[in-house]
Amino acid sequence: MSYSAINSGSATRRSVEIEISAPRPRTSVNRARYRELELKVAALQKDYAQLHTELVEAAQVHRRLCAPRLVRHGDFEIASETFAVRHVPGDFVTVDRVDGNLTLCLGDICGKGLAAGMWISHLVGLIGTRTAVSSSPETIVTGVNRDLCRMSPLTPLATLFLVKLDPNEGRLDYCSAGHPPALLLRADGKLELLSEGGPLLGAIPGAFFTKASVELRAGDLLLVCSDGILESANEAGEEFGSERLEAQLRSAPNDCADAALFSVLGAVQDFAATRPLVDDMSLVVIRRS
């Protein structure tokens, strides 16, 4: 007999065999116990099947909340990908069109698994509400932080990198809430770190956030990632880190955002080799053609 168990890091199932000793018991007492065991195993099968179904549905909800893997708008391409360490990721990437501009968010709920994943819909909703009344990144982030701090002390901390992109002018306004710096690789090879903003969301009710602006020119690449990329470790316990990320971005193809994205993801995977993920990983690449 067998029951289904959830495979860590995905919503797939694997079969785990439960052997019932033979021969079947002959006494009435043993037959009753054997039957009781059969019923318990059947209940486990049903419970695990239901759990698998719910995990798949939760992963589908997360996917619908997030941006498509590739978004094109005017001269800009936005490629993104998210990998979960447990069933449903605590990272998210959203892209919304508002008054001809694009608003992009990469967020990372502190923690892993379902507990972190369940907060994503709430945080995405707060961002959407704030974005509907303001286009200023620092105003949106400040409002979201205030909303989170007003809630229960059980509300998790989160990092956020929020971008407003004007496709006509190529201007990018951004605000980072405790997020790893974004990397802007210019077409001429110069690298800029984008880290202006403020602290983690949900940490300080009256936190002050600032924005900064840059211009994306033809051939420029902007990379934003969650800390799961930087903290991905190899067999020796070394982390991928910011230096390797910068080097890989420089060597990645720059003819399209998708190619650059998978070049970096491939490098992270090769570095970690067979070692499992330690945190959810999200990566976004924006390119101006």
Protein backbone atom coordinates (compact mmCIF):
# COMPACT_ATOMS: atom_id res chain seq x y z
CA MET A 1 0.00 0.00 0.00
CA SER A 2 1.19 3.55 -0.53
CA TYR A 3 0.39 7.13 0.30
CA SER A 4 1.44 10.38 -1.38
CA ALA A 5 3.97 12.72 0.25
CA ILE A 6 4.75 16.26 -0.79
CA ASN A 7 8.20 16.68 -2.25
CA SER A 8 10.03 19.62 -0.55
CA GLY A 9 10.55 22.59 -2.86
CA SER A 10 7.78 21.82 -5.34
CA ALA A 11 4.13 20.87 -5.62
CA THR A 12 4.93 17.42 -7.07
CA ARG A 13 4.29 14.12 -5.35
CA ARG A 14 6.36 11.05 -4.79
CA SER A 15 5.23 7.61 -3.68
CA VAL A 16 6.30 6.26 -0.31
CA GLU A 17 5.67 2.58 0.26
CA ILE A 18 4.09 1.33 3.48
CA GLU A 19 4.41 -2.43 3.81
CA ILE A 20 1.87 -4.35 5.88
CA SER A 21 3.45 -7.44 7.38
CA ALA A 22 2.19 -10.78 6.09
CA PRO A 23 0.49 -13.09 6.60
CA ARG A 24 -2.80 -11.50 7.51
CA PRO A 25 -3.70 -11.99 11.19
CA ARG A 26 -6.01 -14.87 11.98
CA THR A 27 -7.44 -13.94 15.36
CA SER A 28 -10.46 -11.69 15.53
CA VAL A 29 -8.58 -9.14 17.67
CA ASN A 30 -5.69 -8.97 15.22
CA ARG A 31 -8.06 -8.77 12.26
CA ALA A 32 -9.78 -5.80 13.88
CA ARG A 33 -6.47 -4.05 14.46
CA TYR A 34 -5.37 -4.82 10.92
CA ARG A 35 -8.59 -3.34 9.56
CA GLU A 36 -8.13 -0.27 11.75
CA LEU A 37 -4.64 0.16 10.31
CA GLU A 38 -5.99 -0.16 6.77
CA LEU A 39 -8.54 2.57 7.46
CA LYS A 40 -5.87 4.89 8.91
CA VAL A 41 -3.65 4.39 5.86
CA ALA A 42 -6.60 5.10 3.56
CA ALA A 43 -7.29 8.30 5.52
CA LEU A 44 -3.63 9.30 5.12
CA GLN A 45 -3.89 8.73 1.39
CA LYS A 46 -6.92 10.97 1.19
CA ASP A 47 -5.41 13.70 3.40
CA TYR A 48 -2.17 13.82 1.43
CA ALA A 49 -4.01 13.87 -1.88
CA GLN A 50 -6.08 16.81 -0.65
CA LEU A 51 -2.97 18.59 0.63
CA HIS A 52 -1.29 18.14 -2.73
CA THR A 53 -4.32 19.59 -4.51
CA GLU A 54 -4.39 22.61 -2.20
CA LEU A 55 -0.66 23.24 -2.65
CA VAL A 56 -1.08 23.15 -6.43
CA GLU A 57 -3.99 25.60 -6.18
CA ALA A 58 -1.95 27.91 -3.91
CA ALA A 59 0.92 27.87 -6.39
CA GLN A 60 -1.51 28.74 -9.20
CA VAL A 61 -2.89 31.68 -7.21
CA HIS A 62 0.67 32.93 -6.66
CA ARG A 63 1.37 32.64 -10.39
CA ARG A 64 -1.76 34.67 -11.24
CA LEU A 65 -0.76 37.39 -8.78
CA CYS A 66 2.66 37.71 -10.39
CA ALA A 67 3.69 39.19 -13.71
CA PRO A 68 4.02 37.09 -16.87
CA ARG A 69 7.54 35.77 -17.38
CA LEU A 70 8.14 38.24 -20.22
CA VAL A 71 6.54 41.68 -20.61
CA ARG A 72 7.18 44.03 -23.53
CA HIS A 73 6.17 47.67 -23.48
CA GLY A 74 7.52 50.13 -26.02
CA ASP A 75 11.30 49.84 -26.16
CA PHE A 76 11.44 47.87 -22.92
CA GLU A 77 11.54 44.17 -22.11
CA ILE A 78 10.98 42.84 -18.59
CA ALA A 79 11.87 39.19 -17.93
CA SER A 80 11.29 37.61 -14.52
CA GLU A 81 11.38 34.23 -12.81
CA THR A 82 10.72 32.93 -9.28
CA PHE A 83 11.69 29.61 -7.71
CA ALA A 84 10.25 28.32 -4.44
CA VAL A 85 12.27 26.49 -1.83
CA ARG A 86 9.05 25.10 -0.33
CA HIS A 87 5.85 24.60 -2.30
CA VAL A 88 4.74 28.27 -2.54
CA PRO A 89 7.33 31.08 -2.69
CA GLY A 90 7.46 34.05 -0.36
CA ASP A 91 8.85 36.15 -3.25
CA PHE A 92 6.72 37.91 -5.83
CA VAL A 93 7.13 40.01 -8.96
CA THR A 94 4.34 42.24 -10.27
CA VAL A 95 4.15 44.54 -13.29
CA ASP A 96 1.21 46.92 -13.74
CA ARG A 97 0.45 49.51 -16.42
CA VAL A 98 -0.79 52.78 -14.94
CA ASP A 99 -1.40 55.85 -17.12
CA GLY A 100 1.07 54.67 -19.76
CA ASN A 101 3.80 53.96 -17.20
CA LEU A 102 4.92 50.63 -15.79
CA THR A 103 5.07 49.92 -12.06
CA LEU A 104 7.26 46.95 -11.18
CA CYS A 105 7.67 45.40 -7.72
CA LEU A 106 9.95 42.66 -6.51
CA GLY A 107 9.06 41.72 -2.95
CA ASP A 108 10.42 39.19 -0.49
CA ILE A 109 8.43 38.15 2.58
CA CYS A 110 10.76 37.14 5.39
CA GLY A 111 10.39 33.41 5.99
CA LYS A 112 9.68 30.42 3.76
CA GLY A 113 6.88 28.14 2.70
CA LEU A 114 3.13 28.56 3.07
CA ALA A 115 3.37 30.98 5.99
CA ALA A 116 5.30 33.47 3.84
CA GLY A 117 3.32 32.70 0.71
CA MET A 118 0.00 33.42 2.41
CA TRP A 119 1.05 37.02 3.09
CA ILE A 120 1.83 37.75 -0.55
CA SER A 121 -1.76 38.38 -1.63
CA HIS A 122 -2.16 40.85 1.23
CA LEU A 123 1.03 42.75 0.46
CA VAL A 124 0.28 42.82 -3.28
CA GLY A 125 -3.16 44.20 -2.42
CA LEU A 126 -1.69 46.97 -0.26
CA ILE A 127 0.72 47.93 -3.05
CA GLY A 128 -2.11 48.00 -5.58
CA THR A 129 -4.24 50.22 -3.33
CA ARG A 130 -1.39 52.69 -2.82
CA THR A 131 -0.43 52.66 -6.49
CA ALA A 132 -3.99 53.58 -7.46
CA VAL A 133 -3.74 56.92 -5.61
CA SER A 134 -0.07 57.82 -6.13
CA SER A 135 2.58 57.28 -8.79
CA SER A 136 5.49 58.30 -6.57
CA PRO A 137 7.55 55.24 -5.50
CA GLU A 138 8.54 56.67 -2.12
CA THR A 139 4.94 57.64 -1.33
CA ILE A 140 3.69 54.16 -2.24
CA VAL A 141 6.36 52.43 -0.15
CA THR A 142 5.83 54.77 2.81
CA GLY A 143 2.09 54.05 2.75
CA VAL A 144 2.55 50.29 2.50
CA ASN A 145 5.00 50.33 5.40
CA ARG A 146 2.53 52.32 7.52
CA ASP A 147 -0.26 49.87 6.66
CA LEU A 148 1.83 46.86 7.66
CA CYS A 149 2.95 48.43 10.92
CA ARG A 150 -0.67 49.09 11.91
CA MET A 151 -1.44 45.40 11.75
CA SER A 152 -0.82 42.60 14.21
CA PRO A 153 2.69 42.14 15.62
CA LEU A 154 2.61 38.80 13.80
CA THR A 155 2.88 40.58 10.46
CA PRO A 156 6.15 39.46 8.85
CA LEU A 157 8.87 41.84 7.71
CA ALA A 158 9.41 42.20 3.98
CA THR A 159 11.81 43.77 1.53
CA LEU A 160 10.60 45.54 -1.59
CA PHE A 161 12.13 47.12 -4.68
CA LEU A 162 9.55 49.30 -6.43
CA VAL A 163 10.10 50.87 -9.83
CA LYS A 164 8.07 53.32 -11.90
CA LEU A 165 9.19 53.27 -15.51
CA ASP A 166 8.27 55.94 -18.06
CA PRO A 167 8.68 54.16 -21.42
CA ASN A 168 8.49 57.38 -23.41
CA GLU A 169 11.34 59.18 -21.63
CA GLY A 170 13.19 56.09 -20.43
CA ARG A 171 13.22 57.46 -16.90
CA LEU A 172 13.15 55.03 -14.02
CA ASP A 173 12.11 56.18 -10.55
CA TYR A 174 12.72 53.65 -7.79
CA CYS A 175 12.57 53.10 -4.04
CA SER A 176 14.14 50.21 -2.15
CA ALA A 177 12.81 49.03 1.21
CA GLY A 178 15.68 47.02 2.68
CA HIS A 179 16.18 45.17 -0.61
CA PRO A 180 19.53 44.09 -2.09
CA PRO A 181 20.85 46.82 -4.42
CA ALA A 182 19.77 46.54 -8.05
CA LEU A 183 22.52 46.41 -10.68
CA LEU A 184 22.37 48.77 -13.65
CA LEU A 185 24.80 47.72 -16.37
CA ARG A 186 25.24 50.44 -18.95
CA ALA A 187 25.78 49.62 -22.60
CA ASP A 188 29.31 51.03 -22.27
CA GLY A 189 30.14 48.56 -19.46
CA LYS A 190 29.78 50.90 -16.48
CA LEU A 191 27.97 49.42 -13.48
CA GLU A 192 25.77 51.37 -11.06
CA LEU A 193 24.21 50.17 -7.80
CA LEU A 194 20.65 51.33 -7.07
CA SER A 195 19.94 51.24 -3.34
CA GLU A 196 18.16 54.49 -2.43
CA GLY A 197 15.12 54.02 -0.20
CA GLY A 198 14.75 53.03 3.43
CA PRO A 199 14.43 50.12 5.91
CA LEU A 200 12.49 46.85 5.77
CA LEU A 201 8.73 47.07 5.48
CA GLY A 202 6.88 46.54 8.73
CA ALA A 203 9.85 47.37 10.98
CA ILE A 204 9.48 51.10 11.78
CA PRO A 205 6.03 52.76 11.63
CA GLY A 206 7.39 56.25 10.92
CA ALA A 207 10.19 55.16 8.59
CA PHE A 208 11.32 57.71 6.00
CA PHE A 209 11.75 56.51 2.41
CA THR A 210 13.38 58.34 -0.47
CA LYS A 211 13.43 57.77 -4.21
CA ALA A 212 16.08 58.16 -6.88
CA SER A 213 15.88 58.42 -10.65
CA VAL A 214 18.03 57.08 -13.47
CA GLU A 215 17.69 57.04 -17.22
CA LEU A 216 17.71 53.74 -19.07
CA ARG A 217 19.37 54.11 -22.46
CA ALA A 218 19.49 51.76 -25.42
CA GLY A 219 21.35 48.57 -24.52
CA ASP A 220 21.23 49.13 -20.74
CA LEU A 221 20.36 46.20 -18.46
CA LEU A 222 18.82 46.51 -15.00
CA LEU A 223 18.93 43.45 -12.73
CA VAL A 224 16.89 43.15 -9.52
CA CYS A 225 17.01 40.00 -7.39
CA SER A 226 15.95 38.65 -4.02
CA ASP A 227 18.56 37.64 -1.46
CA GLY A 228 17.96 33.97 -2.31
CA ILE A 229 20.10 34.51 -5.43
CA LEU A 230 22.97 36.03 -3.47
CA GLU A 231 22.76 33.45 -0.66
CA SER A 232 22.65 30.40 -2.90
CA ALA A 233 25.54 28.25 -1.66
CA ASN A 234 27.79 25.56 -3.13
CA GLU A 235 29.02 22.33 -1.54
CA ALA A 236 31.82 24.21 0.24
CA GLY A 237 29.30 26.54 1.88
CA GLU A 238 30.36 29.57 -0.18
CA GLU A 239 27.59 31.96 -1.20
CA PHE A 240 27.10 33.11 -4.79
CA GLY A 241 27.37 36.70 -3.57
CA SER A 242 27.30 40.09 -5.23
CA GLU A 243 30.71 39.85 -6.94
CA ARG A 244 29.76 36.71 -8.86
CA LEU A 245 26.41 38.24 -9.71
CA GLU A 246 28.07 41.35 -11.14
CA ALA A 247 30.56 39.25 -13.12
CA GLN A 248 27.81 37.06 -14.54
CA LEU A 249 25.71 40.06 -15.54
CA ARG A 250 28.69 41.47 -17.44
CA SER A 251 29.21 38.20 -19.30
CA ALA A 252 25.52 37.57 -20.00
CA PRO A 253 24.09 38.14 -23.50
CA ASN A 254 22.74 41.67 -23.74
CA ASP A 255 20.63 41.31 -26.87
CA CYS A 256 17.45 40.52 -24.93
CA ALA A 257 16.25 40.49 -21.32
CA ASP A 258 15.24 36.82 -21.46
CA ALA A 259 18.72 35.65 -22.48
CA ALA A 260 20.38 37.70 -19.73
CA LEU A 261 17.91 36.35 -17.15
CA PHE A 262 18.56 32.69 -17.94
CA SER A 263 22.29 33.25 -18.21
CA VAL A 264 22.36 34.49 -14.62
CA LEU A 265 19.97 31.79 -13.37
CA GLY A 266 22.08 29.13 -15.09
CA ALA A 267 25.21 30.43 -13.41
CA VAL A 268 23.54 30.30 -9.99
CA GLN A 269 22.33 26.76 -10.62
CA ASP A 270 25.78 25.62 -11.80
CA PHE A 271 27.37 27.20 -8.74
CA ALA A 272 25.04 25.47 -6.31
CA ALA A 273 25.24 22.18 -8.25
CA THR A 274 23.39 19.49 -6.31
CA ARG A 275 22.98 21.51 -3.13
CA PRO A 276 19.29 22.33 -2.52
CA LEU A 277 17.88 25.86 -2.39
CA VAL A 278 18.18 27.60 0.95
CA ASP A 279 15.73 30.41 0.15
CA ASP A 280 13.22 31.44 -2.49
CA MET A 281 14.89 32.98 -5.53
CA SER A 282 13.53 35.77 -7.73
CA LEU A 283 15.21 37.61 -10.57
CA VAL A 284 14.10 40.44 -12.84
CA VAL A 285 15.95 41.85 -15.85
CA ILE A 286 14.83 45.04 -17.59
CA ARG A 287 16.37 45.93 -20.96
CA ARG A 288 15.90 48.88 -23.26
CA SER A 289 16.30 47.97 -26.91
